[in-house]
Protein backbone atom coordinates (compact mmCIF):
# COMPACT_ATOMS: atom_id res chain seq x y z
CA MET A 1 -50.95 45.50 -80.78
CA ASN A 2 -51.60 42.04 -79.48
CA PRO A 3 -50.13 41.91 -76.10
CA PHE A 4 -49.14 38.10 -76.53
CA ARG A 5 -47.53 38.68 -79.79
CA HIS A 6 -43.99 38.53 -78.49
CA ARG A 7 -44.88 35.58 -75.58
CA PRO A 8 -42.48 32.55 -76.19
CA PHE A 9 -44.08 29.31 -76.16
CA ALA A 10 -42.19 25.98 -75.25
CA THR A 11 -42.10 23.40 -78.05
CA PRO A 12 -43.33 20.19 -76.95
CA ALA A 13 -39.55 18.99 -77.63
CA ALA A 14 -38.64 21.50 -75.61
CA ALA A 15 -40.52 20.88 -72.82
CA LEU A 16 -39.46 17.02 -72.91
CA LEU A 17 -36.25 18.07 -73.06
CA GLY A 18 -36.76 19.96 -69.84
CA VAL A 19 -38.18 16.82 -68.50
CA LEU A 20 -35.45 14.49 -68.83
CA LEU A 21 -33.31 17.02 -67.12
CA ALA A 22 -34.85 17.76 -64.47
CA GLY A 23 -35.82 13.66 -63.69
CA PRO A 24 -32.10 13.07 -62.69
CA VAL A 25 -31.95 15.57 -60.10
CA LEU A 26 -34.95 15.27 -58.70
CA ALA A 27 -34.32 11.42 -58.39
CA GLN A 28 -31.21 12.21 -56.85
CA THR A 29 -32.53 14.80 -53.77
CA LYS A 30 -35.22 12.12 -53.08
CA ALA A 31 -32.22 9.60 -52.85
CA ALA A 32 -30.77 12.11 -50.30
CA GLU A 33 -33.30 12.81 -48.24
CA THR A 34 -34.48 9.01 -48.15
CA LYS A 35 -30.53 7.67 -46.97
CA PRO A 36 -30.82 6.70 -43.31
CA ALA A 37 -28.49 8.18 -40.95
CA GLU A 38 -24.80 6.52 -40.09
CA THR A 39 -24.59 4.69 -36.81
CA LYS A 40 -22.21 5.50 -33.63
CA ALA A 41 -20.57 2.75 -32.51
CA ALA A 42 -21.14 1.23 -29.21
CA THR A 43 -18.61 2.80 -26.04
CA PRO A 44 -18.72 2.23 -22.24
CA LYS A 45 -18.53 4.68 -19.85
CA ALA A 46 -17.25 4.64 -16.42
CA VAL A 47 -19.23 6.94 -14.05
CA ILE A 48 -18.40 7.01 -10.29
CA ALA A 49 -20.44 8.74 -8.14
CA GLU A 50 -18.53 8.94 -4.84
CA PRO A 51 -14.98 8.58 -5.66
CA ASN A 52 -13.78 9.85 -2.40
CA LYS A 53 -15.22 8.29 0.85
CA ASP A 54 -14.51 9.81 4.52
CA VAL A 55 -15.54 6.31 6.95
CA GLY A 56 -15.04 8.26 10.22
CA MET A 57 -13.50 7.61 12.89
CA VAL A 58 -12.37 3.39 13.29
CA PRO A 59 -11.12 1.56 15.93
CA LYS A 60 -7.26 0.96 15.67
CA GLY A 61 -6.95 -3.15 14.88
CA GLU A 62 -10.67 -2.75 12.94
CA VAL A 63 -10.07 -3.81 9.07
CA ILE A 64 -11.61 -0.81 6.70
CA LYS A 65 -13.79 -2.03 3.61
CA HIS A 66 -15.87 0.29 1.69
CA THR A 67 -17.62 -0.75 -1.56
CA PHE A 68 -17.50 1.93 -4.38
CA LEU A 69 -20.59 2.20 -6.75
CA VAL A 70 -19.23 2.29 -10.75
CA LYS A 71 -22.37 3.08 -13.33
CA ASN A 72 -22.05 2.44 -17.30
CA ALA A 73 -23.71 5.16 -18.68
CA GLY A 74 -22.37 4.10 -22.43
CA THR A 75 -23.73 1.81 -24.88
CA ALA A 76 -20.97 -1.22 -24.36
CA ASP A 77 -19.72 -3.39 -22.05
CA LEU A 78 -17.54 -1.41 -19.85
CA LEU A 79 -14.51 -3.25 -18.01
CA ILE A 80 -12.47 -3.15 -15.21
CA THR A 81 -9.38 -4.15 -16.13
CA ASP A 82 -7.20 -3.39 -13.27
CA VAL A 83 -7.10 -2.08 -9.44
CA LYS A 84 -4.03 -0.90 -8.67
CA PRO A 85 -4.16 -0.22 -5.04
CA ALA A 86 -1.68 2.17 -3.11
CA CYS A 87 0.44 1.05 0.13
CA GLY A 88 -1.36 0.29 3.26
CA CYS A 89 -4.52 -0.41 0.92
CA THR A 90 -5.89 -3.77 -0.71
CA VAL A 91 -8.79 -4.67 -3.11
CA SER A 92 -10.88 -7.55 -1.58
CA GLU A 93 -13.17 -8.07 -4.83
CA TYR A 94 -14.31 -5.96 -7.95
CA ASP A 95 -16.71 -6.77 -10.68
CA ARG A 96 -15.15 -7.28 -14.20
CA VAL A 97 -17.87 -6.62 -16.36
CA ILE A 98 -20.32 -3.94 -16.01
CA LYS A 99 -23.05 -3.81 -18.75
CA PRO A 100 -24.80 -1.09 -19.83
CA GLY A 101 -27.17 1.02 -17.65
CA THR A 102 -26.06 -1.23 -14.53
CA GLU A 103 -24.14 -0.50 -11.69
CA GLY A 104 -20.77 -2.73 -10.53
CA LYS A 105 -18.90 -2.62 -7.38
CA ILE A 106 -15.49 -2.52 -6.19
CA THR A 107 -14.57 -3.08 -2.65
CA LEU A 108 -11.37 -1.48 -0.96
CA ALA A 109 -9.95 -2.92 2.44
CA ILE A 110 -7.64 -1.42 5.00
CA GLU A 111 -5.90 -2.59 7.47
CA THR A 112 -5.33 -0.13 10.45
CA LYS A 113 -3.44 -2.18 13.18
CA ALA A 114 -0.16 -0.17 11.53
CA PHE A 115 -1.86 3.01 11.50
CA GLN A 116 -3.00 5.77 13.85
CA GLY A 117 -4.63 9.59 13.59
CA SER A 118 -5.82 10.62 10.19
CA ILE A 119 -4.99 8.72 7.47
CA SER A 120 -5.95 8.61 3.70
CA LYS A 121 -5.75 5.38 0.73
CA THR A 122 -6.11 5.27 -2.81
CA ALA A 123 -6.74 3.17 -5.40
CA LEU A 124 -6.21 3.20 -9.18
CA VAL A 125 -9.03 1.90 -10.92
CA LEU A 126 -7.96 1.21 -14.95
CA PHE A 127 -11.22 0.70 -17.37
CA ASN A 128 -11.88 0.40 -21.18
CA ASP A 129 -13.60 3.86 -21.37
CA PRO A 130 -12.15 5.67 -24.57
CA THR A 131 -12.34 8.86 -22.80
CA SER A 132 -12.11 8.14 -19.25
CA PRO A 133 -9.61 5.14 -19.19
CA GLN A 134 -8.49 5.90 -15.50
CA ALA A 135 -10.30 6.62 -12.54
CA THR A 136 -8.48 7.34 -8.40
CA LEU A 137 -10.97 6.18 -5.68
CA ASN A 138 -9.73 7.74 -2.02
CA VAL A 139 -10.82 6.39 1.32
CA GLN A 140 -10.06 8.28 4.60
CA ALA A 141 -10.78 7.72 7.92
CA TYR A 142 -9.75 8.55 11.59
CA VAL A 143 -7.83 5.59 13.33
CA LYS A 144 -8.27 5.78 17.16
CA PRO A 145 -6.03 3.79 19.32
CA PHE A 146 -8.43 2.59 22.61
CA VAL A 147 -4.74 1.59 24.02
CA GLU A 148 -1.82 4.16 23.26
CA THR A 149 1.52 3.75 23.55
CA TYR A 150 4.28 5.93 24.77
CA PRO A 151 6.51 7.66 23.55
CA TYR A 152 6.56 5.39 20.30
CA GLY A 153 4.91 2.56 19.38
CA PHE A 154 7.58 -0.57 19.00
CA PHE A 155 10.37 -2.13 21.05
CA ARG A 156 14.17 -1.51 20.12
CA ILE A 157 16.83 -4.24 21.16
CA GLN A 158 20.13 -3.27 20.85
CA ALA A 159 22.36 -5.84 22.68
CA LEU A 160 25.95 -7.47 22.34
CA THR A 161 26.35 -11.21 22.91
CA GLY A 162 26.32 -12.05 26.36
CA GLU A 163 24.46 -8.93 27.26
CA THR A 164 20.68 -8.35 28.33
CA VAL A 165 19.13 -5.07 27.25
CA SER A 166 15.48 -3.94 28.08
CA SER A 167 13.14 -1.64 26.11
CA ASP A 168 10.48 -0.10 27.77
CA LEU A 169 6.73 1.52 26.28
CA ILE A 170 3.71 2.92 28.81
CA LEU A 171 0.51 1.78 27.52
CA GLY A 172 -2.70 4.06 28.49
CA SER A 173 -6.04 3.80 28.04
CA ASP A 174 -9.30 5.87 29.46
CA ASP A 175 -11.37 2.24 29.50
CA PRO A 176 -11.58 1.22 33.35
CA ALA A 177 -11.17 -2.98 31.59
CA PHE A 178 -8.10 -1.88 30.66
CA THR A 179 -5.48 -4.72 31.57
CA PRO A 180 -2.85 -6.12 29.49
CA THR A 181 -2.96 -9.81 29.60
CA LYS A 182 -1.24 -12.99 28.23
CA ILE A 183 1.77 -11.14 26.69
CA GLU A 184 3.33 -13.07 23.87
CA VAL A 185 6.96 -13.14 22.46
CA PRO A 186 8.00 -14.37 19.03
CA TYR A 187 11.31 -16.06 21.12
CA ARG A 188 12.28 -17.90 23.63
CA PHE A 189 14.90 -15.40 24.65
CA LEU A 190 12.82 -12.38 25.13
CA LYS A 191 11.01 -11.89 27.95
CA ALA A 192 7.65 -8.95 28.35
CA THR A 193 6.34 -7.92 31.57
CA ALA A 194 3.57 -5.85 32.36
CA THR A 195 3.73 -3.25 35.72
CA GLU A 196 0.57 -0.61 36.50
CA LEU A 197 2.04 2.66 36.77
CA PRO A 198 1.22 4.73 39.76
CA GLU A 199 -0.32 8.19 39.10
CA LYS A 200 3.22 9.90 39.76
CA GLU A 201 4.76 8.43 37.19
CA ARG A 202 2.08 8.48 34.28
CA ALA A 203 2.60 10.46 30.99
CA ALA A 204 -0.04 13.18 30.80
CA GLY A 205 -2.89 12.56 28.41
CA LYS A 206 -2.31 9.31 27.77
CA GLY A 207 -5.12 7.50 29.92
CA ALA A 208 -6.39 7.24 33.21
CA ARG A 209 -4.55 3.28 33.83
CA GLN A 210 -1.37 2.89 32.41
CA TYR A 211 0.86 0.41 32.30
CA LYS A 212 4.69 -0.03 31.58
CA LEU A 213 5.91 -3.06 28.90
CA SER A 214 9.12 -3.93 29.62
CA LEU A 215 10.58 -5.88 26.88
CA SER A 216 14.28 -7.91 27.26
CA ASN A 217 16.59 -10.34 25.68
CA THR A 218 17.97 -12.95 27.99
CA PRO A 219 22.43 -12.99 27.54
CA ASP A 220 22.03 -16.63 25.59
CA ALA A 221 20.48 -14.42 22.71
CA PRO A 222 22.13 -15.56 19.19
CA GLU A 223 23.44 -12.90 16.89
CA GLY A 224 21.23 -11.32 14.07
CA LEU A 225 18.76 -9.42 13.74
CA LEU A 226 15.15 -9.31 15.75
CA THR A 227 12.06 -8.83 14.41
CA GLY A 228 8.63 -10.02 15.24
CA TYR A 229 5.84 -8.76 17.58
CA VAL A 230 4.72 -8.59 20.92
CA LYS A 231 1.51 -9.91 21.69
CA LEU A 232 -1.26 -8.95 24.04
CA GLN A 233 -4.87 -8.81 25.33
CA THR A 234 -5.31 -5.62 26.92
CA GLY A 235 -9.33 -6.28 27.90
CA VAL A 236 -10.87 -3.13 25.88
CA LYS A 237 -14.05 -4.32 23.96
CA GLN A 238 -13.12 -1.66 21.09
CA GLN A 239 -9.02 -2.96 20.95
CA PRO A 240 -8.71 -6.53 22.46
CA GLU A 241 -5.59 -7.27 20.61
CA LEU A 242 -2.11 -5.19 20.55
CA GLU A 243 0.84 -5.91 18.69
CA LEU A 244 3.71 -3.84 19.17
CA ALA A 245 6.78 -4.21 16.59
CA ILE A 246 10.17 -5.71 17.80
CA SER A 247 13.24 -4.14 15.85
CA GLY A 248 17.27 -4.67 16.90
CA TYR A 249 19.81 -6.34 16.55
CA ILE A 250 22.12 -8.67 18.39
CA LYS A 251 25.69 -8.36 17.53
CA PRO A 252 28.99 -10.24 18.51
CA THR A 253 31.48 -8.46 20.88
CA VAL A 254 33.87 -8.61 18.23
CA THR A 255 33.01 -8.27 14.23
CA ILE A 256 35.27 -9.69 11.36
CA THR A 257 34.26 -8.05 8.08
CA PRO A 258 34.32 -9.96 5.42
CA GLY A 259 33.66 -13.32 6.92
CA GLN A 260 34.90 -14.96 3.75
CA VAL A 261 38.16 -13.93 1.33
CA ASN A 262 38.31 -15.17 -1.86
CA PHE A 263 41.36 -14.73 -4.00
CA GLY A 264 39.79 -15.42 -7.61
CA ASN A 265 42.61 -16.62 -10.12
CA PHE A 266 46.21 -15.63 -9.82
CA ASP A 267 49.59 -16.74 -11.54
CA PRO A 268 50.85 -18.77 -8.84
CA LYS A 269 54.25 -17.70 -9.83
CA GLY A 270 53.87 -13.82 -9.94
CA GLU A 271 53.41 -11.26 -7.31
CA ALA A 272 51.78 -11.80 -4.08
CA VAL A 273 47.94 -11.20 -3.85
CA ARG A 274 46.36 -9.54 -1.10
CA ARG A 275 43.13 -9.40 0.53
CA ASN A 276 42.36 -7.44 4.15
CA ILE A 277 40.29 -8.64 6.92
CA MET A 278 38.60 -5.82 8.94
CA VAL A 279 38.37 -6.93 12.78
CA ILE A 280 36.13 -4.23 14.80
CA ASP A 281 35.50 -3.95 18.28
CA ASN A 282 31.93 -3.37 19.00
CA VAL A 283 32.97 -2.67 23.03
CA PRO A 284 33.13 0.64 23.52
CA GLN A 285 34.03 0.45 27.22
CA ARG A 286 36.61 -1.70 26.12
CA PRO A 287 39.60 0.42 24.71
CA ASP A 288 42.89 -1.37 25.01
CA PHE A 289 41.40 -4.18 22.61
CA SER A 290 44.10 -5.32 19.68
CA VAL A 291 44.48 -8.31 17.48
CA THR A 292 47.86 -9.86 18.98
CA LYS A 293 48.29 -13.17 16.54
CA ALA A 294 46.63 -14.31 13.24
CA GLU A 295 47.28 -17.81 11.85
CA THR A 296 46.29 -19.56 8.82
CA ASN A 297 46.21 -23.74 8.06
CA VAL A 298 46.09 -23.11 4.21
CA PRO A 299 49.37 -23.84 2.51
CA GLY A 300 50.80 -21.13 0.66
CA ILE A 301 48.47 -18.34 2.36
CA SER A 302 50.20 -16.33 5.00
CA ALA A 303 48.44 -14.07 7.39
């Protein structure tokens, strides 16, 4: 028996048909293999190696400046769109555009004359980085007053017209060169004097050399708010100048409120329009104060 008797043989026509059918499939497969991969869109990426910086101890009055480095680890330009510092901190300068693979700088500045002890100041940075559009920078420091104030760091003057009031502070330092000199006041009606304290009158723990600094007003001080600073030279190298804020008010002995009366629109033939004025005695030692007479020089208005 012939073993090849029942084996089918492809005819030339069938073979040709198979080639024609297989041809498009092979072509499509080869085209899929050679198609280039899709490219990703270029994006920036902000990397801040050290967003928190402790600068350690600084003398009171010194301006702290620290520069943060921002690296662009992306493939497109990194834009710093804004830097928003918190209270007590300012932006000195910053690079607005950082190229891919390079570093930019953000410099923050902190004025320490209004601070004492441990401080922490922040700034919010805004980027065009789609994954991290913002970051917070933080500067920490310990502000050391080489000249300390006691019991507080400002003067408070609360006086009546014609009255003289004094506000005292103790200034202390361990520096042997400490001596308050060249004391300046913001108004002619304020006077400031410094007197060295004997050992028995010194505040505990406030320095080996201490002075009492007194601020007073003269009787001719005008009514109104008191603001400004007492400025002095200390003789201390690390803190050569000192500014002490003034807060207060010179009040009149009698206050009339409101100071102006407005009757608004009214019907002259209608009911009388009334307004009240408060007369306040600001002198507590004057219990017999009273209003004895009220006059007006405006026709049609009585008091």
